[in-house]
Amino acid sequence: MIKLFLVILMSLFIIYVGVKIGKREKVDFIAGYNIIFKPRNEKSLQRG
């Protein structure tokens, strides 16, 4: 019974996330998505 409840709860969460992505097209809550790294000082990185 508890397993069924957890499966239903997870299913509702996945559906909620899908609707949120579909309507607002926002995926900023996904870690690392669409992040571009630009170093501030490239010369200091070259010095190794």
C-alpha atoms as a PDB file:
ATOM      1  CA  MET A   1       0.000   0.000   0.000  1.00  0.00           C
ATOM      2  CA  ILE A   2       2.811   2.421   0.862  1.00  0.00           C
ATOM      3  CA  LYS A   3       4.660   1.548  -2.353  1.00  0.00           C
ATOM      4  CA  LEU A   4       1.537   2.356  -4.371  1.00  0.00           C
ATOM      5  CA  PHE A   5       1.212   5.708  -2.615  1.00  0.00           C
ATOM      6  CA  LEU A   6       4.854   6.552  -3.346  1.00  0.00           C
ATOM      7  CA  VAL A   7       4.482   5.600  -7.015  1.00  0.00           C
ATOM      8  CA  ILE A   8       1.395   7.786  -7.333  1.00  0.00           C
ATOM      9  CA  LEU A   9       3.161  10.665  -5.572  1.00  0.00           C
ATOM     10  CA  MET A  10       6.215  10.441  -7.829  1.00  0.00           C
ATOM     11  CA  SER A  11       4.004  10.207 -10.910  1.00  0.00           C
ATOM     12  CA  LEU A  12       2.168  13.372  -9.932  1.00  0.00           C
ATOM     13  CA  PHE A  13       5.489  15.147  -9.360  1.00  0.00           C
ATOM     14  CA  ILE A  14       6.771  14.116 -12.805  1.00  0.00           C
ATOM     15  CA  ILE A  15       3.540  15.280 -14.419  1.00  0.00           C
ATOM     16  CA  TYR A  16       3.797  18.606 -12.537  1.00  0.00           C
ATOM     17  CA  VAL A  17       7.357  19.167 -13.732  1.00  0.00           C
ATOM     18  CA  GLY A  18       6.353  18.284 -17.305  1.00  0.00           C
ATOM     19  CA  VAL A  19       3.486  20.762 -17.263  1.00  0.00           C
ATOM     20  CA  LYS A  20       5.724  23.470 -15.799  1.00  0.00           C
ATOM     21  CA  ILE A  21       8.316  22.946 -18.523  1.00  0.00           C
ATOM     22  CA  GLY A  22       5.667  22.771 -21.237  1.00  0.00           C
ATOM     23  CA  LYS A  23       3.802  25.932 -20.310  1.00  0.00           C
ATOM     24  CA  ARG A  24       6.560  28.256 -19.152  1.00  0.00           C
ATOM     25  CA  GLU A  25       9.493  26.674 -20.952  1.00  0.00           C
ATOM     26  CA  LYS A  26      11.592  27.192 -17.827  1.00  0.00           C
ATOM     27  CA  VAL A  27      14.188  24.640 -16.915  1.00  0.00           C
ATOM     28  CA  ASP A  28      16.324  26.743 -14.594  1.00  0.00           C
ATOM     29  CA  PHE A  29      15.668  24.329 -11.730  1.00  0.00           C
ATOM     30  CA  ILE A  30      17.665  21.631 -13.547  1.00  0.00           C
ATOM     31  CA  ALA A  31      21.218  21.835 -12.215  1.00  0.00           C
ATOM     32  CA  GLY A  32      23.804  22.812 -14.787  1.00  0.00           C
ATOM     33  CA  TYR A  33      21.373  23.381 -17.626  1.00  0.00           C
ATOM     34  CA  ASN A  34      22.258  26.191 -20.044  1.00  0.00           C
ATOM     35  CA  ILE A  35      25.141  27.588 -17.986  1.00  0.00           C
ATOM     36  CA  ILE A  36      28.079  29.017 -19.899  1.00  0.00           C
ATOM     37  CA  PHE A  37      31.330  29.462 -17.993  1.00  0.00           C
ATOM     38  CA  LYS A  38      33.302  32.568 -18.884  1.00  0.00           C
ATOM     39  CA  PRO A  39      36.438  33.155 -16.801  1.00  0.00           C
ATOM     40  CA  ARG A  40      37.055  36.675 -15.572  1.00  0.00           C
ATOM     41  CA  ASN A  41      40.799  36.610 -16.002  1.00  0.00           C
ATOM     42  CA  GLU A  42      41.982  34.173 -18.676  1.00  0.00           C
ATOM     43  CA  LYS A  43      45.694  35.031 -18.216  1.00  0.00           C
ATOM     44  CA  SER A  44      45.682  33.818 -14.632  1.00  0.00           C
ATOM     45  CA  LEU A  45      44.204  30.506 -15.802  1.00  0.00           C
ATOM     46  CA  GLN A  46      46.946  30.098 -18.407  1.00  0.00           C
ATOM     47  CA  ARG A  47      49.720  30.360 -15.832  1.00  0.00           C
ATOM     48  CA  GLY A  48      49.187  26.811 -14.502  1.00  0.00           C
END
